[in-house]
Amino acid sequence: MAEVKRVHLLISGRVQGVFFRANAKKMADLLRIKGWVKNLTTGQVELYATGPEEQLKKIIEWGHQGPPQAHVTKVDVLWDKNLGDFNSFEVI
């Protein structure tokens, strides 16, 4: 079984008001990863996810594009130690 890892994404650009979070949840559910996504007051979207590294790489790749209405200009990626604290993927 693949080792479970954790990644933190900070996504910048036109990423609010374009269904970014709803589409992130759909992608996370499809990839069977856990965590959460939320809008920040800075206009960015923050996403934490845990799962097998290959699945997390797919959500990172998706995060660079987002949904069709989004215009992503930057994605900060920070790999972190998995704390096992997520039971599902939530939109906050």
N, C-alpha and C. Protein backbone atom coordinates (compact mmCIF):
# COMPACT_ATOMS: atom_id res chain seq x y z
N MET A 1 0.85 -1.19 0.00
CA MET A 1 0.00 0.00 0.00
C MET A 1 0.88 1.24 0.00
N ALA A 2 0.48 2.25 -0.76
CA ALA A 2 1.27 3.47 -0.89
C ALA A 2 1.26 4.26 0.42
N GLU A 3 2.38 4.90 0.71
CA GLU A 3 2.49 5.73 1.89
C GLU A 3 1.58 6.96 1.75
N VAL A 4 0.87 7.29 2.82
CA VAL A 4 -0.01 8.45 2.81
C VAL A 4 0.83 9.68 3.12
N LYS A 5 0.71 10.68 2.27
CA LYS A 5 1.44 11.94 2.45
C LYS A 5 0.45 13.08 2.57
N ARG A 6 0.99 14.27 2.82
CA ARG A 6 0.16 15.46 3.01
C ARG A 6 0.77 16.61 2.21
N VAL A 7 -0.09 17.37 1.56
CA VAL A 7 0.38 18.52 0.80
C VAL A 7 -0.50 19.73 1.09
N HIS A 8 0.13 20.89 1.10
CA HIS A 8 -0.56 22.16 1.32
C HIS A 8 -0.37 23.00 0.07
N LEU A 9 -1.48 23.48 -0.51
CA LEU A 9 -1.43 24.32 -1.70
C LEU A 9 -1.99 25.68 -1.39
N LEU A 10 -1.33 26.71 -1.90
CA LEU A 10 -1.82 28.08 -1.85
C LEU A 10 -1.91 28.54 -3.29
N ILE A 11 -3.14 28.71 -3.77
CA ILE A 11 -3.39 28.93 -5.19
C ILE A 11 -3.82 30.39 -5.40
N SER A 12 -3.10 31.05 -6.31
CA SER A 12 -3.33 32.47 -6.58
C SER A 12 -3.85 32.67 -8.00
N GLY A 13 -4.50 33.81 -8.21
CA GLY A 13 -5.04 34.16 -9.52
C GLY A 13 -6.52 34.46 -9.39
N ARG A 14 -7.26 34.30 -10.48
CA ARG A 14 -8.72 34.44 -10.42
C ARG A 14 -9.27 33.07 -10.03
N VAL A 15 -9.33 32.85 -8.71
CA VAL A 15 -9.68 31.52 -8.20
C VAL A 15 -10.88 31.54 -7.24
N GLN A 16 -11.45 32.72 -7.03
CA GLN A 16 -12.66 32.81 -6.22
C GLN A 16 -13.82 33.26 -7.11
N GLY A 17 -15.00 32.74 -6.85
CA GLY A 17 -16.17 33.07 -7.65
C GLY A 17 -16.21 32.33 -8.97
N VAL A 18 -15.41 31.26 -9.09
CA VAL A 18 -15.34 30.48 -10.33
C VAL A 18 -15.56 28.98 -10.06
N PHE A 19 -16.17 28.68 -8.91
CA PHE A 19 -16.47 27.29 -8.52
C PHE A 19 -15.20 26.46 -8.30
N PHE A 20 -14.13 27.13 -7.87
CA PHE A 20 -12.86 26.43 -7.64
C PHE A 20 -13.00 25.39 -6.53
N ARG A 21 -13.59 25.80 -5.40
CA ARG A 21 -13.70 24.87 -4.27
C ARG A 21 -14.59 23.68 -4.59
N ALA A 22 -15.73 23.91 -5.22
CA ALA A 22 -16.64 22.81 -5.56
C ALA A 22 -15.96 21.83 -6.51
N ASN A 23 -15.22 22.35 -7.47
CA ASN A 23 -14.52 21.48 -8.41
C ASN A 23 -13.34 20.78 -7.76
N ALA A 24 -12.69 21.44 -6.81
CA ALA A 24 -11.60 20.79 -6.06
C ALA A 24 -12.15 19.60 -5.28
N LYS A 25 -13.34 19.77 -4.69
CA LYS A 25 -13.95 18.65 -3.95
C LYS A 25 -14.27 17.50 -4.89
N LYS A 26 -14.83 17.80 -6.06
CA LYS A 26 -15.12 16.74 -7.03
C LYS A 26 -13.85 15.98 -7.41
N MET A 27 -12.78 16.72 -7.65
CA MET A 27 -11.51 16.09 -8.02
C MET A 27 -10.97 15.26 -6.87
N ALA A 28 -11.01 15.81 -5.65
CA ALA A 28 -10.52 15.09 -4.48
C ALA A 28 -11.31 13.80 -4.26
N ASP A 29 -12.63 13.89 -4.41
CA ASP A 29 -13.47 12.69 -4.24
C ASP A 29 -13.13 11.65 -5.31
N LEU A 30 -12.92 12.11 -6.53
CA LEU A 30 -12.56 11.21 -7.62
C LEU A 30 -11.22 10.51 -7.34
N LEU A 31 -10.29 11.27 -6.78
CA LEU A 31 -8.95 10.74 -6.48
C LEU A 31 -8.89 10.01 -5.14
N ARG A 32 -9.99 10.07 -4.38
CA ARG A 32 -10.08 9.44 -3.05
C ARG A 32 -9.03 10.00 -2.10
N ILE A 33 -8.88 11.32 -2.11
CA ILE A 33 -8.00 11.95 -1.15
C ILE A 33 -8.84 12.73 -0.14
N LYS A 34 -8.25 13.01 1.01
CA LYS A 34 -8.95 13.66 2.11
C LYS A 34 -8.31 15.02 2.38
N GLY A 35 -9.06 15.90 3.05
CA GLY A 35 -8.54 17.20 3.41
C GLY A 35 -9.61 18.26 3.34
N TRP A 36 -9.22 19.47 2.94
CA TRP A 36 -10.18 20.56 2.83
C TRP A 36 -9.67 21.63 1.88
N VAL A 37 -10.60 22.48 1.45
CA VAL A 37 -10.29 23.62 0.59
C VAL A 37 -11.13 24.80 1.07
N LYS A 38 -10.52 26.00 1.06
CA LYS A 38 -11.27 27.18 1.48
C LYS A 38 -10.75 28.43 0.77
N ASN A 39 -11.61 29.44 0.69
CA ASN A 39 -11.21 30.75 0.20
C ASN A 39 -10.52 31.52 1.32
N LEU A 40 -9.53 32.32 0.95
CA LEU A 40 -8.86 33.19 1.90
C LEU A 40 -9.24 34.64 1.61
N THR A 41 -9.14 35.49 2.61
CA THR A 41 -9.46 36.91 2.44
C THR A 41 -8.50 37.59 1.47
N THR A 42 -7.37 36.97 1.19
CA THR A 42 -6.38 37.51 0.25
C THR A 42 -6.80 37.31 -1.20
N GLY A 43 -7.89 36.56 -1.43
CA GLY A 43 -8.33 36.24 -2.79
C GLY A 43 -7.76 34.92 -3.28
N GLN A 44 -6.95 34.27 -2.46
CA GLN A 44 -6.37 32.98 -2.82
C GLN A 44 -7.27 31.85 -2.34
N VAL A 45 -6.96 30.65 -2.81
CA VAL A 45 -7.60 29.43 -2.33
C VAL A 45 -6.53 28.60 -1.64
N GLU A 46 -6.87 28.07 -0.47
CA GLU A 46 -5.96 27.21 0.29
C GLU A 46 -6.52 25.80 0.27
N LEU A 47 -5.65 24.82 0.05
CA LEU A 47 -6.07 23.43 -0.02
C LEU A 47 -5.07 22.57 0.74
N TYR A 48 -5.57 21.74 1.63
CA TYR A 48 -4.78 20.71 2.31
C TYR A 48 -5.31 19.36 1.86
N ALA A 49 -4.42 18.45 1.54
CA ALA A 49 -4.87 17.13 1.10
C ALA A 49 -3.92 16.05 1.60
N THR A 50 -4.49 14.89 1.91
CA THR A 50 -3.69 13.72 2.27
C THR A 50 -4.11 12.56 1.38
N GLY A 51 -3.15 11.71 1.08
CA GLY A 51 -3.40 10.54 0.26
C GLY A 51 -2.09 10.01 -0.28
N PRO A 52 -2.16 9.00 -1.15
CA PRO A 52 -0.95 8.49 -1.79
C PRO A 52 -0.31 9.59 -2.64
N GLU A 53 1.01 9.62 -2.67
CA GLU A 53 1.73 10.68 -3.38
C GLU A 53 1.28 10.84 -4.83
N GLU A 54 1.04 9.74 -5.53
CA GLU A 54 0.62 9.83 -6.93
C GLU A 54 -0.72 10.56 -7.07
N GLN A 55 -1.63 10.31 -6.14
CA GLN A 55 -2.93 10.99 -6.18
C GLN A 55 -2.76 12.47 -5.84
N LEU A 56 -1.89 12.77 -4.89
CA LEU A 56 -1.65 14.17 -4.53
C LEU A 56 -1.02 14.93 -5.68
N LYS A 57 -0.15 14.28 -6.43
CA LYS A 57 0.45 14.93 -7.60
C LYS A 57 -0.62 15.29 -8.62
N LYS A 58 -1.66 14.48 -8.71
CA LYS A 58 -2.75 14.76 -9.64
C LYS A 58 -3.57 15.97 -9.20
N ILE A 59 -3.81 16.12 -7.88
CA ILE A 59 -4.56 17.29 -7.41
C ILE A 59 -3.70 18.55 -7.55
N ILE A 60 -2.39 18.42 -7.39
CA ILE A 60 -1.49 19.56 -7.60
C ILE A 60 -1.55 19.99 -9.07
N GLU A 61 -1.46 19.01 -9.96
CA GLU A 61 -1.54 19.31 -11.40
C GLU A 61 -2.86 19.98 -11.73
N TRP A 62 -3.95 19.46 -11.19
CA TRP A 62 -5.26 20.06 -11.41
C TRP A 62 -5.29 21.49 -10.86
N GLY A 63 -4.68 21.71 -9.70
CA GLY A 63 -4.66 23.02 -9.08
C GLY A 63 -3.99 24.10 -9.93
N HIS A 64 -3.08 23.70 -10.79
CA HIS A 64 -2.43 24.66 -11.69
C HIS A 64 -3.37 25.14 -12.79
N GLN A 65 -4.45 24.41 -13.04
CA GLN A 65 -5.45 24.78 -14.04
C GLN A 65 -6.74 25.25 -13.40
N GLY A 66 -7.25 24.45 -12.46
CA GLY A 66 -8.53 24.74 -11.84
C GLY A 66 -9.67 24.51 -12.83
N PRO A 67 -10.86 24.98 -12.46
CA PRO A 67 -12.01 24.84 -13.36
C PRO A 67 -11.86 25.80 -14.55
N PRO A 68 -12.69 25.61 -15.59
CA PRO A 68 -12.55 26.42 -16.81
C PRO A 68 -12.57 27.93 -16.60
N GLN A 69 -13.35 28.43 -15.64
CA GLN A 69 -13.49 29.86 -15.43
C GLN A 69 -12.30 30.47 -14.67
N ALA A 70 -11.48 29.65 -14.06
CA ALA A 70 -10.36 30.14 -13.25
C ALA A 70 -9.18 30.55 -14.13
N HIS A 71 -8.36 31.43 -13.57
CA HIS A 71 -7.09 31.79 -14.20
C HIS A 71 -6.04 31.73 -13.09
N VAL A 72 -5.35 30.59 -13.00
CA VAL A 72 -4.36 30.37 -11.95
C VAL A 72 -3.03 31.00 -12.39
N THR A 73 -2.48 31.83 -11.51
CA THR A 73 -1.20 32.48 -11.82
C THR A 73 -0.05 31.89 -11.03
N LYS A 74 -0.34 31.25 -9.88
CA LYS A 74 0.73 30.71 -9.04
C LYS A 74 0.16 29.64 -8.11
N VAL A 75 0.94 28.59 -7.89
CA VAL A 75 0.58 27.57 -6.91
C VAL A 75 1.80 27.31 -6.04
N ASP A 76 1.70 27.64 -4.76
CA ASP A 76 2.76 27.31 -3.81
C ASP A 76 2.45 25.93 -3.25
N VAL A 77 3.44 25.04 -3.30
CA VAL A 77 3.26 23.65 -2.86
C VAL A 77 4.21 23.37 -1.71
N LEU A 78 3.67 22.88 -0.62
CA LEU A 78 4.48 22.52 0.54
C LEU A 78 4.11 21.10 0.97
N TRP A 79 5.06 20.20 0.87
CA TRP A 79 4.84 18.83 1.35
C TRP A 79 5.05 18.82 2.85
N ASP A 80 4.20 18.08 3.56
CA ASP A 80 4.22 18.08 5.01
C ASP A 80 4.03 16.65 5.52
N LYS A 81 4.27 16.47 6.79
CA LYS A 81 4.06 15.16 7.41
C LYS A 81 2.57 14.91 7.57
N ASN A 82 2.13 13.71 7.22
CA ASN A 82 0.72 13.35 7.38
C ASN A 82 0.40 13.18 8.86
N LEU A 83 -0.63 13.86 9.31
CA LEU A 83 -1.04 13.78 10.71
C LEU A 83 -2.23 12.84 10.90
N GLY A 84 -2.80 12.36 9.80
CA GLY A 84 -3.94 11.46 9.89
C GLY A 84 -5.18 12.11 10.46
N ASP A 85 -5.32 13.43 10.24
CA ASP A 85 -6.42 14.14 10.88
C ASP A 85 -7.60 14.43 9.96
N PHE A 86 -7.59 13.90 8.75
CA PHE A 86 -8.71 14.13 7.83
C PHE A 86 -9.47 12.83 7.59
N ASN A 87 -10.81 12.93 7.66
CA ASN A 87 -11.66 11.76 7.44
C ASN A 87 -12.37 11.80 6.09
N SER A 88 -12.41 12.99 5.47
CA SER A 88 -13.09 13.20 4.22
C SER A 88 -12.50 14.44 3.59
N PHE A 89 -13.05 14.88 2.45
CA PHE A 89 -12.60 16.14 1.85
C PHE A 89 -13.75 17.12 1.95
N GLU A 90 -13.50 18.26 2.56
CA GLU A 90 -14.55 19.23 2.86
C GLU A 90 -14.28 20.58 2.19
N VAL A 91 -15.36 21.25 1.81
CA VAL A 91 -15.28 22.65 1.39
C VAL A 91 -15.60 23.48 2.61
N ILE A 92 -14.68 24.37 2.96
CA ILE A 92 -14.86 25.20 4.17
C ILE A 92 -15.26 26.60 3.75
